[in-house]
Amino acid sequence: RIVFPNNGRQCNNWKQASTFYSGNRIQTTKYTRFTFLPQFLFEQFHRLGNLYFFFLVVLNWFPQVEVFHREITMLPLIVVLLASMIKDATEDYRKYRFDKMINLSKTRVYDK
């Protein structure tokens, strides 16, 4: 936080600093509409369990090593990813609504 006294000499410094800190908006959300799916999948496949099930799905697409049907192998991975996706989306949407409520609230400004 940068505080400048209101004495005229610091006016240029205030204008320069205010260009870097133009807003006072709170944003605690992790995703946007466009980055939700890529960022979500990137985070999920950094987990060893999801990576293991993805490896099994890829392995079952080769007929020489196919143990189960392809669709059955994909089912656990899809269920886990879908449940995590719904949880993350609802959590991020709640954060978005709370941030919007905070950003639109009225504030009191102390002025001598």
PDB file of N, CA and C in Angstrom:
ATOM      1  N   ARG A   1       0.839  -1.171   0.000  1.00  0.00           N
ATOM      2  CA  ARG A   1       0.000   0.000   0.000  1.00  0.00           C
ATOM      3  C   ARG A   1       0.878   1.225   0.000  1.00  0.00           C
ATOM      4  N   ILE A   2       0.543   2.196  -0.822  1.00  0.00           N
ATOM      5  CA  ILE A   2       1.301   3.435  -0.922  1.00  0.00           C
ATOM      6  C   ILE A   2       0.398   4.576  -0.487  1.00  0.00           C
ATOM      7  N   VAL A   3       0.874   5.395   0.453  1.00  0.00           N
ATOM      8  CA  VAL A   3       0.111   6.532   0.952  1.00  0.00           C
ATOM      9  C   VAL A   3       0.887   7.796   0.622  1.00  0.00           C
ATOM     10  N   PHE A   4       0.220   8.763  -0.004  1.00  0.00           N
ATOM     11  CA  PHE A   4       0.840  10.040  -0.331  1.00  0.00           C
ATOM     12  C   PHE A   4       0.096  11.154   0.385  1.00  0.00           C
ATOM     13  N   PRO A   5       0.815  12.091   1.012  1.00  0.00           N
ATOM     14  CA  PRO A   5       0.134  13.218   1.651  1.00  0.00           C
ATOM     15  C   PRO A   5      -0.431  14.157   0.586  1.00  0.00           C
ATOM     16  N   ASN A   6      -1.475  14.864   0.949  1.00  0.00           N
ATOM     17  CA  ASN A   6      -2.143  15.767   0.023  1.00  0.00           C
ATOM     18  C   ASN A   6      -1.565  17.171   0.181  1.00  0.00           C
ATOM     19  N   ASN A   7      -0.311  17.377  -0.220  1.00  0.00           N
ATOM     20  CA  ASN A   7       0.302  18.681  -0.065  1.00  0.00           C
ATOM     21  C   ASN A   7       0.800  19.282  -1.380  1.00  0.00           C
ATOM     22  N   GLY A   8       0.425  18.741  -2.503  1.00  0.00           N
ATOM     23  CA  GLY A   8       0.776  19.335  -3.791  1.00  0.00           C
ATOM     24  C   GLY A   8       2.103  18.859  -4.351  1.00  0.00           C
ATOM     25  N   ARG A   9       3.119  18.699  -3.512  1.00  0.00           N
ATOM     26  CA  ARG A   9       4.422  18.264  -4.013  1.00  0.00           C
ATOM     27  C   ARG A   9       4.375  16.813  -4.464  1.00  0.00           C
ATOM     28  N   GLN A  10       3.554  16.014  -3.828  1.00  0.00           N
ATOM     29  CA  GLN A  10       3.503  14.591  -4.123  1.00  0.00           C
ATOM     30  C   GLN A  10       2.477  14.239  -5.209  1.00  0.00           C
ATOM     31  N   CYS A  11       1.902  15.242  -5.850  1.00  0.00           N
ATOM     32  CA  CYS A  11       0.849  15.000  -6.840  1.00  0.00           C
ATOM     33  C   CYS A  11       1.366  14.167  -8.006  1.00  0.00           C
ATOM     34  N   ASN A  12       2.564  14.436  -8.484  1.00  0.00           N
ATOM     35  CA  ASN A  12       3.114  13.671  -9.603  1.00  0.00           C
ATOM     36  C   ASN A  12       3.366  12.221  -9.204  1.00  0.00           C
ATOM     37  N   ASN A  13       3.882  12.020  -7.989  1.00  0.00           N
ATOM     38  CA  ASN A  13       4.107  10.655  -7.524  1.00  0.00           C
ATOM     39  C   ASN A  13       2.796   9.893  -7.382  1.00  0.00           C
ATOM     40  N   TRP A  14       1.749  10.582  -6.942  1.00  0.00           N
ATOM     41  CA  TRP A  14       0.457   9.927  -6.793  1.00  0.00           C
ATOM     42  C   TRP A  14      -0.097   9.506  -8.148  1.00  0.00           C
ATOM     43  N   LYS A  15       0.038  10.377  -9.154  1.00  0.00           N
ATOM     44  CA  LYS A  15      -0.461  10.033 -10.488  1.00  0.00           C
ATOM     45  C   LYS A  15       0.306   8.852 -11.070  1.00  0.00           C
ATOM     46  N   GLN A  16       1.603   8.810 -10.827  1.00  0.00           N
ATOM     47  CA  GLN A  16       2.414   7.709 -11.331  1.00  0.00           C
ATOM     48  C   GLN A  16       2.040   6.394 -10.634  1.00  0.00           C
ATOM     49  N   ALA A  17       1.850   6.431  -9.331  1.00  0.00           N
ATOM     50  CA  ALA A  17       1.508   5.218  -8.587  1.00  0.00           C
ATOM     51  C   ALA A  17       0.088   4.753  -8.883  1.00  0.00           C
ATOM     52  N   SER A  18      -0.814   5.690  -9.140  1.00  0.00           N
ATOM     53  CA  SER A  18      -2.205   5.302  -9.382  1.00  0.00           C
ATOM     54  C   SER A  18      -2.377   4.594 -10.719  1.00  0.00           C
ATOM     55  N   THR A  19      -1.440   4.744 -11.643  1.00  0.00           N
ATOM     56  CA  THR A  19      -1.551   4.002 -12.898  1.00  0.00           C
ATOM     57  C   THR A  19      -1.264   2.527 -12.681  1.00  0.00           C
ATOM     58  N   PHE A  20      -0.400   2.192 -11.717  1.00  0.00           N
ATOM     59  CA  PHE A  20      -0.111   0.793 -11.424  1.00  0.00           C
ATOM     60  C   PHE A  20      -1.212   0.148 -10.593  1.00  0.00           C
ATOM     61  N   TYR A  21      -1.847   0.922  -9.725  1.00  0.00           N
ATOM     62  CA  TYR A  21      -2.899   0.412  -8.837  1.00  0.00           C
ATOM     63  C   TYR A  21      -4.199   1.117  -9.191  1.00  0.00           C
ATOM     64  N   SER A  22      -4.733   0.801 -10.364  1.00  0.00           N
ATOM     65  CA  SER A  22      -5.893   1.550 -10.838  1.00  0.00           C
ATOM     66  C   SER A  22      -7.194   1.119 -10.170  1.00  0.00           C
ATOM     67  N   GLY A  23      -7.265  -0.084  -9.666  1.00  0.00           N
ATOM     68  CA  GLY A  23      -8.516  -0.539  -9.082  1.00  0.00           C
ATOM     69  C   GLY A  23      -8.334  -1.058  -7.670  1.00  0.00           C
ATOM     70  N   ASN A  24      -9.423  -1.122  -6.979  1.00  0.00           N
ATOM     71  CA  ASN A  24      -9.412  -1.648  -5.628  1.00  0.00           C
ATOM     72  C   ASN A  24     -10.393  -2.813  -5.562  1.00  0.00           C
ATOM     73  N   ARG A  25     -10.301  -3.696  -6.543  1.00  0.00           N
ATOM     74  CA  ARG A  25     -11.233  -4.790  -6.706  1.00  0.00           C
ATOM     75  C   ARG A  25     -10.688  -6.054  -6.070  1.00  0.00           C
ATOM     76  N   ILE A  26     -11.564  -6.812  -5.438  1.00  0.00           N
ATOM     77  CA  ILE A  26     -11.172  -8.076  -4.827  1.00  0.00           C
ATOM     78  C   ILE A  26     -11.542  -9.201  -5.780  1.00  0.00           C
ATOM     79  N   GLN A  27     -10.598 -10.123  -5.994  1.00  0.00           N
ATOM     80  CA  GLN A  27     -10.873 -11.285  -6.848  1.00  0.00           C
ATOM     81  C   GLN A  27     -10.208 -12.500  -6.221  1.00  0.00           C
ATOM     82  N   THR A  28     -11.033 -13.420  -5.723  1.00  0.00           N
ATOM     83  CA  THR A  28     -10.508 -14.636  -5.099  1.00  0.00           C
ATOM     84  C   THR A  28     -10.790 -15.872  -5.933  1.00  0.00           C
ATOM     85  N   THR A  29     -11.419 -15.695  -7.091  1.00  0.00           N
ATOM     86  CA  THR A  29     -11.727 -16.842  -7.932  1.00  0.00           C
ATOM     87  C   THR A  29     -10.470 -17.385  -8.597  1.00  0.00           C
ATOM     88  N   LYS A  30     -10.492 -18.665  -8.857  1.00  0.00           N
ATOM     89  CA  LYS A  30      -9.346 -19.334  -9.466  1.00  0.00           C
ATOM     90  C   LYS A  30      -9.487 -19.407 -10.983  1.00  0.00           C
ATOM     91  N   TYR A  31     -10.721 -19.518 -11.467  1.00  0.00           N
ATOM     92  CA  TYR A  31     -10.967 -19.750 -12.890  1.00  0.00           C
ATOM     93  C   TYR A  31     -11.744 -18.598 -13.499  1.00  0.00           C
ATOM     94  N   THR A  32     -11.701 -18.530 -14.837  1.00  0.00           N
ATOM     95  CA  THR A  32     -12.617 -17.698 -15.609  1.00  0.00           C
ATOM     96  C   THR A  32     -13.405 -18.645 -16.509  1.00  0.00           C
ATOM     97  N   ARG A  33     -14.319 -18.097 -17.271  1.00  0.00           N
ATOM     98  CA  ARG A  33     -15.119 -18.954 -18.156  1.00  0.00           C
ATOM     99  C   ARG A  33     -14.248 -19.653 -19.191  1.00  0.00           C
ATOM    100  N   PHE A  34     -13.239 -18.951 -19.668  1.00  0.00           N
ATOM    101  CA  PHE A  34     -12.422 -19.493 -20.751  1.00  0.00           C
ATOM    102  C   PHE A  34     -11.304 -20.401 -20.258  1.00  0.00           C
ATOM    103  N   THR A  35     -10.860 -20.205 -19.024  1.00  0.00           N
ATOM    104  CA  THR A  35      -9.734 -20.994 -18.519  1.00  0.00           C
ATOM    105  C   THR A  35     -10.166 -22.130 -17.611  1.00  0.00           C
ATOM    106  N   PHE A  36     -11.465 -22.315 -17.413  1.00  0.00           N
ATOM    107  CA  PHE A  36     -11.904 -23.329 -16.461  1.00  0.00           C
ATOM    108  C   PHE A  36     -11.473 -24.732 -16.875  1.00  0.00           C
ATOM    109  N   LEU A  37     -11.858 -25.154 -18.061  1.00  0.00           N
ATOM    110  CA  LEU A  37     -11.583 -26.529 -18.481  1.00  0.00           C
ATOM    111  C   LEU A  37     -10.085 -26.824 -18.626  1.00  0.00           C
ATOM    112  N   PRO A  38      -9.303 -25.993 -19.330  1.00  0.00           N
ATOM    113  CA  PRO A  38      -7.878 -26.322 -19.436  1.00  0.00           C
ATOM    114  C   PRO A  38      -7.149 -26.307 -18.100  1.00  0.00           C
ATOM    115  N   GLN A  39      -7.440 -25.302 -17.277  1.00  0.00           N
ATOM    116  CA  GLN A  39      -6.761 -25.209 -15.987  1.00  0.00           C
ATOM    117  C   GLN A  39      -7.201 -26.324 -15.044  1.00  0.00           C
ATOM    118  N   PHE A  40      -8.475 -26.677 -15.086  1.00  0.00           N
ATOM    119  CA  PHE A  40      -8.984 -27.761 -14.255  1.00  0.00           C
ATOM    120  C   PHE A  40      -8.318 -29.085 -14.627  1.00  0.00           C
ATOM    121  N   LEU A  41      -8.271 -29.391 -15.927  1.00  0.00           N
ATOM    122  CA  LEU A  41      -7.653 -30.645 -16.363  1.00  0.00           C
ATOM    123  C   LEU A  41      -6.159 -30.667 -16.056  1.00  0.00           C
ATOM    124  N   PHE A  42      -5.508 -29.533 -16.199  1.00  0.00           N
ATOM    125  CA  PHE A  42      -4.081 -29.442 -15.875  1.00  0.00           C
ATOM    126  C   PHE A  42      -3.845 -29.763 -14.400  1.00  0.00           C
ATOM    127  N   GLU A  43      -4.682 -29.213 -13.526  1.00  0.00           N
ATOM    128  CA  GLU A  43      -4.524 -29.466 -12.091  1.00  0.00           C
ATOM    129  C   GLU A  43      -4.881 -30.916 -11.738  1.00  0.00           C
ATOM    130  N   GLN A  44      -5.905 -31.459 -12.364  1.00  0.00           N
ATOM    131  CA  GLN A  44      -6.326 -32.813 -12.027  1.00  0.00           C
ATOM    132  C   GLN A  44      -5.311 -33.862 -12.475  1.00  0.00           C
ATOM    133  N   PHE A  45      -4.669 -33.643 -13.605  1.00  0.00           N
ATOM    134  CA  PHE A  45      -3.713 -34.630 -14.082  1.00  0.00           C
ATOM    135  C   PHE A  45      -2.331 -34.461 -13.465  1.00  0.00           C
ATOM    136  N   HIS A  46      -2.197 -33.544 -12.541  1.00  0.00           N
ATOM    137  CA  HIS A  46      -0.991 -33.488 -11.724  1.00  0.00           C
ATOM    138  C   HIS A  46      -1.117 -34.404 -10.506  1.00  0.00           C
ATOM    139  N   ARG A  47      -2.300 -34.916 -10.288  1.00  0.00           N
ATOM    140  CA  ARG A  47      -2.515 -35.882  -9.204  1.00  0.00           C
ATOM    141  C   ARG A  47      -2.170 -37.276  -9.716  1.00  0.00           C
ATOM    142  N   LEU A  48      -1.456 -38.014  -8.905  1.00  0.00           N
ATOM    143  CA  LEU A  48      -0.942 -39.311  -9.327  1.00  0.00           C
ATOM    144  C   LEU A  48      -2.060 -40.315  -9.608  1.00  0.00           C
ATOM    145  N   GLY A  49      -3.115 -40.300  -8.822  1.00  0.00           N
ATOM    146  CA  GLY A  49      -4.222 -41.240  -9.023  1.00  0.00           C
ATOM    147  C   GLY A  49      -4.918 -41.023 -10.359  1.00  0.00           C
ATOM    148  N   ASN A  50      -5.186 -39.771 -10.694  1.00  0.00           N
ATOM    149  CA  ASN A  50      -5.831 -39.486 -11.975  1.00  0.00           C
ATOM    150  C   ASN A  50      -4.918 -39.828 -13.144  1.00  0.00           C
ATOM    151  N   LEU A  51      -3.647 -39.587 -12.977  1.00  0.00           N
ATOM    152  CA  LEU A  51      -2.685 -39.919 -14.023  1.00  0.00           C
ATOM    153  C   LEU A  51      -2.602 -41.435 -14.232  1.00  0.00           C
ATOM    154  N   TYR A  52      -2.687 -42.187 -13.143  1.00  0.00           N
ATOM    155  CA  TYR A  52      -2.672 -43.652 -13.226  1.00  0.00           C
ATOM    156  C   TYR A  52      -3.881 -44.168 -14.000  1.00  0.00           C
ATOM    157  N   PHE A  53      -5.082 -43.653 -13.677  1.00  0.00           N
ATOM    158  CA  PHE A  53      -6.277 -44.102 -14.382  1.00  0.00           C
ATOM    159  C   PHE A  53      -6.258 -43.666 -15.844  1.00  0.00           C
ATOM    160  N   PHE A  54      -5.690 -42.501 -16.124  1.00  0.00           N
ATOM    161  CA  PHE A  54      -5.560 -42.074 -17.515  1.00  0.00           C
ATOM    162  C   PHE A  54      -4.606 -43.000 -18.276  1.00  0.00           C
ATOM    163  N   PHE A  55      -3.536 -43.420 -17.628  1.00  0.00           N
ATOM    164  CA  PHE A  55      -2.604 -44.370 -18.237  1.00  0.00           C
ATOM    165  C   PHE A  55      -3.307 -45.698 -18.545  1.00  0.00           C
ATOM    166  N   LEU A  56      -4.156 -46.160 -17.648  1.00  0.00           N
ATOM    167  CA  LEU A  56      -4.912 -47.392 -17.892  1.00  0.00           C
ATOM    168  C   LEU A  56      -5.883 -47.240 -19.061  1.00  0.00           C
ATOM    169  N   VAL A  57      -6.504 -46.076 -19.168  1.00  0.00           N
ATOM    170  CA  VAL A  57      -7.417 -45.832 -20.281  1.00  0.00           C
ATOM    171  C   VAL A  57      -6.660 -45.869 -21.602  1.00  0.00           C
ATOM    172  N   VAL A  58      -5.514 -45.214 -21.649  1.00  0.00           N
ATOM    173  CA  VAL A  58      -4.712 -45.200 -22.878  1.00  0.00           C
ATOM    174  C   VAL A  58      -4.212 -46.606 -23.196  1.00  0.00           C
ATOM    175  N   LEU A  59      -3.814 -47.335 -22.185  1.00  0.00           N
ATOM    176  CA  LEU A  59      -3.307 -48.684 -22.394  1.00  0.00           C
ATOM    177  C   LEU A  59      -4.380 -49.624 -22.943  1.00  0.00           C
ATOM    178  N   ASN A  60      -5.619 -49.444 -22.520  1.00  0.00           N
ATOM    179  CA  ASN A  60      -6.707 -50.307 -22.988  1.00  0.00           C
ATOM    180  C   ASN A  60      -7.144 -50.001 -24.410  1.00  0.00           C
ATOM    181  N   TRP A  61      -6.670 -48.947 -25.006  1.00  0.00           N
ATOM    182  CA  TRP A  61      -7.019 -48.661 -26.396  1.00  0.00           C
ATOM    183  C   TRP A  61      -6.182 -49.499 -27.352  1.00  0.00           C
ATOM    184  N   PHE A  62      -5.147 -50.151 -26.855  1.00  0.00           N
ATOM    185  CA  PHE A  62      -4.347 -51.056 -27.690  1.00  0.00           C
ATOM    186  C   PHE A  62      -4.907 -52.473 -27.557  1.00  0.00           C
ATOM    187  N   PRO A  63      -5.246 -53.110 -28.651  1.00  0.00           N
ATOM    188  CA  PRO A  63      -5.888 -54.438 -28.575  1.00  0.00           C
ATOM    189  C   PRO A  63      -4.993 -55.510 -27.962  1.00  0.00           C
ATOM    190  N   GLN A  64      -3.690 -55.361 -28.031  1.00  0.00           N
ATOM    191  CA  GLN A  64      -2.793 -56.391 -27.508  1.00  0.00           C
ATOM    192  C   GLN A  64      -2.837 -56.468 -25.979  1.00  0.00           C
ATOM    193  N   VAL A  65      -3.071 -55.356 -25.325  1.00  0.00           N
ATOM    194  CA  VAL A  65      -3.053 -55.340 -23.853  1.00  0.00           C
ATOM    195  C   VAL A  65      -4.422 -55.034 -23.262  1.00  0.00           C
ATOM    196  N   GLU A  66      -5.459 -55.093 -24.053  1.00  0.00           N
ATOM    197  CA  GLU A  66      -6.800 -54.765 -23.573  1.00  0.00           C
ATOM    198  C   GLU A  66      -7.272 -55.817 -22.577  1.00  0.00           C
ATOM    199  N   VAL A  67      -7.593 -55.380 -21.371  1.00  0.00           N
ATOM    200  CA  VAL A  67      -8.073 -56.273 -20.320  1.00  0.00           C
ATOM    201  C   VAL A  67      -9.587 -56.168 -20.196  1.00  0.00           C
ATOM    202  N   PHE A  68     -10.080 -54.933 -20.114  1.00  0.00           N
ATOM    203  CA  PHE A  68     -11.518 -54.671 -20.013  1.00  0.00           C
ATOM    204  C   PHE A  68     -11.975 -53.987 -21.290  1.00  0.00           C
ATOM    205  N   HIS A  69     -13.254 -53.753 -21.378  1.00  0.00           N
ATOM    206  CA  HIS A  69     -13.751 -52.959 -22.488  1.00  0.00           C
ATOM    207  C   HIS A  69     -13.271 -51.518 -22.305  1.00  0.00           C
ATOM    208  N   ARG A  70     -13.108 -50.821 -23.378  1.00  0.00           N
ATOM    209  CA  ARG A  70     -12.580 -49.451 -23.328  1.00  0.00           C
ATOM    210  C   ARG A  70     -13.471 -48.524 -22.509  1.00  0.00           C
ATOM    211  N   GLU A  71     -14.762 -48.688 -22.665  1.00  0.00           N
ATOM    212  CA  GLU A  71     -15.698 -47.802 -21.964  1.00  0.00           C
ATOM    213  C   GLU A  71     -15.677 -48.043 -20.460  1.00  0.00           C
ATOM    214  N   ILE A  72     -15.528 -49.278 -20.052  1.00  0.00           N
ATOM    215  CA  ILE A  72     -15.513 -49.601 -18.621  1.00  0.00           C
ATOM    216  C   ILE A  72     -14.270 -49.034 -17.958  1.00  0.00           C
ATOM    217  N   THR A  73     -13.161 -49.019 -18.657  1.00  0.00           N
ATOM    218  CA  THR A  73     -11.931 -48.480 -18.093  1.00  0.00           C
ATOM    219  C   THR A  73     -12.014 -46.970 -17.924  1.00  0.00           C
ATOM    220  N   MET A  74     -12.730 -46.294 -18.807  1.00  0.00           N
ATOM    221  CA  MET A  74     -12.852 -44.832 -18.719  1.00  0.00           C
ATOM    222  C   MET A  74     -13.814 -44.385 -17.632  1.00  0.00           C
ATOM    223  N   LEU A  75     -14.712 -45.261 -17.223  1.00  0.00           N
ATOM    224  CA  LEU A  75     -15.769 -44.892 -16.287  1.00  0.00           C
ATOM    225  C   LEU A  75     -15.255 -44.337 -14.951  1.00  0.00           C
ATOM    226  N   PRO A  76     -14.307 -44.975 -14.241  1.00  0.00           N
ATOM    227  CA  PRO A  76     -13.849 -44.400 -12.964  1.00  0.00           C
ATOM    228  C   PRO A  76     -13.204 -43.022 -13.126  1.00  0.00           C
ATOM    229  N   LEU A  77     -12.418 -42.858 -14.171  1.00  0.00           N
ATOM    230  CA  LEU A  77     -11.766 -41.574 -14.404  1.00  0.00           C
ATOM    231  C   LEU A  77     -12.786 -40.482 -14.701  1.00  0.00           C
ATOM    232  N   ILE A  78     -13.770 -40.785 -15.513  1.00  0.00           N
ATOM    233  CA  ILE A  78     -14.792 -39.802 -15.862  1.00  0.00           C
ATOM    234  C   ILE A  78     -15.625 -39.424 -14.647  1.00  0.00           C
ATOM    235  N   VAL A  79     -15.972 -40.399 -13.825  1.00  0.00           N
ATOM    236  CA  VAL A  79     -16.779 -40.119 -12.630  1.00  0.00           C
ATOM    237  C   VAL A  79     -16.008 -39.222 -11.655  1.00  0.00           C
ATOM    238  N   VAL A  80     -14.752 -39.540 -11.423  1.00  0.00           N
ATOM    239  CA  VAL A  80     -13.945 -38.736 -10.499  1.00  0.00           C
ATOM    240  C   VAL A  80     -13.739 -37.322 -11.039  1.00  0.00           C
ATOM    241  N   LEU A  81     -13.418 -37.205 -12.331  1.00  0.00           N
ATOM    242  CA  LEU A  81     -13.213 -35.874 -12.920  1.00  0.00           C
ATOM    243  C   LEU A  81     -14.502 -35.069 -12.944  1.00  0.00           C
ATOM    244  N   LEU A  82     -15.613 -35.697 -13.230  1.00  0.00           N
ATOM    245  CA  LEU A  82     -16.894 -34.995 -13.260  1.00  0.00           C
ATOM    246  C   LEU A  82     -17.290 -34.505 -11.870  1.00  0.00           C
ATOM    247  N   ALA A  83     -17.107 -35.336 -10.851  1.00  0.00           N
ATOM    248  CA  ALA A  83     -17.430 -34.914  -9.481  1.00  0.00           C
ATOM    249  C   ALA A  83     -16.524 -33.758  -9.040  1.00  0.00           C
ATOM    250  N   SER A  84     -15.258 -33.846  -9.347  1.00  0.00           N
ATOM    251  CA  SER A  84     -14.332 -32.766  -8.987  1.00  0.00           C
ATOM    252  C   SER A  84     -14.644 -31.495  -9.753  1.00  0.00           C
ATOM    253  N   MET A  85     -15.055 -31.643 -11.014  1.00  0.00           N
ATOM    254  CA  MET A  85     -15.379 -30.479 -11.831  1.00  0.00           C
ATOM    255  C   MET A  85     -16.603 -29.752 -11.285  1.00  0.00           C
ATOM    256  N   ILE A  86     -17.612 -30.508 -10.905  1.00  0.00           N
ATOM    257  CA  ILE A  86     -18.825 -29.896 -10.343  1.00  0.00           C
ATOM    258  C   ILE A  86     -18.503 -29.202  -9.027  1.00  0.00           C
ATOM    259  N   LYS A  87     -17.702 -29.845  -8.187  1.00  0.00           N
ATOM    260  CA  LYS A  87     -17.330 -29.241  -6.906  1.00  0.00           C
ATOM    261  C   LYS A  87     -16.534 -27.955  -7.104  1.00  0.00           C
ATOM    262  N   ASP A  88     -15.539 -27.979  -7.980  1.00  0.00           N
ATOM    263  CA  ASP A  88     -14.733 -26.788  -8.222  1.00  0.00           C
ATOM    264  C   ASP A  88     -15.538 -25.662  -8.858  1.00  0.00           C
ATOM    265  N   ALA A  89     -16.445 -26.013  -9.770  1.00  0.00           N
ATOM    266  CA  ALA A  89     -17.253 -24.990 -10.429  1.00  0.00           C
ATOM    267  C   ALA A  89     -18.196 -24.311  -9.447  1.00  0.00           C
ATOM    268  N   THR A  90     -18.851 -25.086  -8.585  1.00  0.00           N
ATOM    269  CA  THR A  90     -19.766 -24.461  -7.622  1.00  0.00           C
ATOM    270  C   THR A  90     -18.996 -23.635  -6.590  1.00  0.00           C
ATOM    271  N   GLU A  91     -17.844 -24.135  -6.159  1.00  0.00           N
ATOM    272  CA  GLU A  91     -17.035 -23.385  -5.205  1.00  0.00           C
ATOM    273  C   GLU A  91     -16.537 -22.076  -5.808  1.00  0.00           C
ATOM    274  N   ASP A  92     -16.091 -22.113  -7.043  1.00  0.00           N
ATOM    275  CA  ASP A  92     -15.591 -20.907  -7.696  1.00  0.00           C
ATOM    276  C   ASP A  92     -16.726 -19.928  -7.981  1.00  0.00           C
ATOM    277  N   TYR A  93     -17.909 -20.429  -8.303  1.00  0.00           N
ATOM    278  CA  TYR A  93     -19.049 -19.551  -8.536  1.00  0.00           C
ATOM    279  C   TYR A  93     -19.478 -18.856  -7.242  1.00  0.00           C
ATOM    280  N   ARG A  94     -19.431 -19.572  -6.129  1.00  0.00           N
ATOM    281  CA  ARG A  94     -19.743 -18.935  -4.838  1.00  0.00           C
ATOM    282  C   ARG A  94     -18.740 -17.848  -4.508  1.00  0.00           C
ATOM    283  N   LYS A  95     -17.466 -18.098  -4.794  1.00  0.00           N
ATOM    284  CA  LYS A  95     -16.444 -17.068  -4.582  1.00  0.00           C
ATOM    285  C   LYS A  95     -16.698 -15.862  -5.474  1.00  0.00           C
ATOM    286  N   TYR A  96     -17.093 -16.109  -6.713  1.00  0.00           N
ATOM    287  CA  TYR A  96     -17.391 -15.023  -7.653  1.00  0.00           C
ATOM    288  C   TYR A  96     -18.540 -14.164  -7.144  1.00  0.00           C
ATOM    289  N   ARG A  97     -19.624 -14.812  -6.677  1.00  0.00           N
ATOM    290  CA  ARG A  97     -20.766 -14.051  -6.160  1.00  0.00           C
ATOM    291  C   ARG A  97     -20.389 -13.249  -4.928  1.00  0.00           C
ATOM    292  N   PHE A  98     -19.593 -13.824  -4.029  1.00  0.00           N
ATOM    293  CA  PHE A  98     -19.175 -13.111  -2.825  1.00  0.00           C
ATOM    294  C   PHE A  98     -18.261 -11.940  -3.190  1.00  0.00           C
ATOM    295  N   ASP A  99     -17.346 -12.141  -4.126  1.00  0.00           N
ATOM    296  CA  ASP A  99     -16.474 -11.052  -4.568  1.00  0.00           C
ATOM    297  C   ASP A  99     -17.277  -9.917  -5.184  1.00  0.00           C
ATOM    298  N   LYS A 100     -18.283 -10.283  -5.972  1.00  0.00           N
ATOM    299  CA  LYS A 100     -19.124  -9.266  -6.600  1.00  0.00           C
ATOM    300  C   LYS A 100     -19.887  -8.475  -5.540  1.00  0.00           C
ATOM    301  N   MET A 101     -20.393  -9.157  -4.516  1.00  0.00           N
ATOM    302  CA  MET A 101     -21.114  -8.482  -3.443  1.00  0.00           C
ATOM    303  C   MET A 101     -20.182  -7.530  -2.688  1.00  0.00           C
ATOM    304  N   ILE A 102     -18.955  -7.975  -2.406  1.00  0.00           N
ATOM    305  CA  ILE A 102     -18.000  -7.133  -1.694  1.00  0.00           C
ATOM    306  C   ILE A 102     -17.576  -5.937  -2.547  1.00  0.00           C
ATOM    307  N   ASN A 103     -17.348  -6.167  -3.833  1.00  0.00           N
ATOM    308  CA  ASN A 103     -16.897  -5.086  -4.705  1.00  0.00           C
ATOM    309  C   ASN A 103     -17.968  -4.041  -4.964  1.00  0.00           C
ATOM    310  N   LEU A 104     -19.232  -4.423  -4.865  1.00  0.00           N
ATOM    311  CA  LEU A 104     -20.315  -3.466  -5.080  1.00  0.00           C
ATOM    312  C   LEU A 104     -20.808  -2.815  -3.786  1.00  0.00           C
ATOM    313  N   SER A 105     -20.261  -3.204  -2.653  1.00  0.00           N
ATOM    314  CA  SER A 105     -20.728  -2.641  -1.388  1.00  0.00           C
ATOM    315  C   SER A 105     -20.199  -1.220  -1.211  1.00  0.00           C
ATOM    316  N   LYS A 106     -20.942  -0.454  -0.459  1.00  0.00           N
ATOM    317  CA  LYS A 106     -20.546   0.934  -0.189  1.00  0.00           C
ATOM    318  C   LYS A 106     -19.509   0.950   0.925  1.00  0.00           C
ATOM    319  N   THR A 107     -18.626   1.905   0.831  1.00  0.00           N
ATOM    320  CA  THR A 107     -17.568   2.037   1.829  1.00  0.00           C
ATOM    321  C   THR A 107     -17.603   3.443   2.403  1.00  0.00           C
ATOM    322  N   ARG A 108     -17.000   3.584   3.557  1.00  0.00           N
ATOM    323  CA  ARG A 108     -16.855   4.893   4.175  1.00  0.00           C
ATOM    324  C   ARG A 108     -15.427   5.375   3.977  1.00  0.00           C
ATOM    325  N   VAL A 109     -15.310   6.616   3.605  1.00  0.00           N
ATOM    326  CA  VAL A 109     -13.995   7.211   3.384  1.00  0.00           C
ATOM    327  C   VAL A 109     -13.801   8.314   4.400  1.00  0.00           C
ATOM    328  N   TYR A 110     -12.700   8.259   5.099  1.00  0.00           N
ATOM    329  CA  TYR A 110     -12.384   9.293   6.070  1.00  0.00           C
ATOM    330  C   TYR A 110     -11.723  10.455   5.345  1.00  0.00           C
ATOM    331  N   ASP A 111     -12.269  11.639   5.520  1.00  0.00           N
ATOM    332  CA  ASP A 111     -11.704  12.840   4.923  1.00  0.00           C
ATOM    333  C   ASP A 111     -11.664  13.912   5.993  1.00  0.00           C
ATOM    334  N   LYS A 112     -10.501  14.455   6.175  1.00  0.00           N
ATOM    335  CA  LYS A 112     -10.380  15.463   7.230  1.00  0.00           C
ATOM    336  C   LYS A 112     -11.123  16.706   6.834  1.00  0.00           C
TER     337      LYS A 112
END
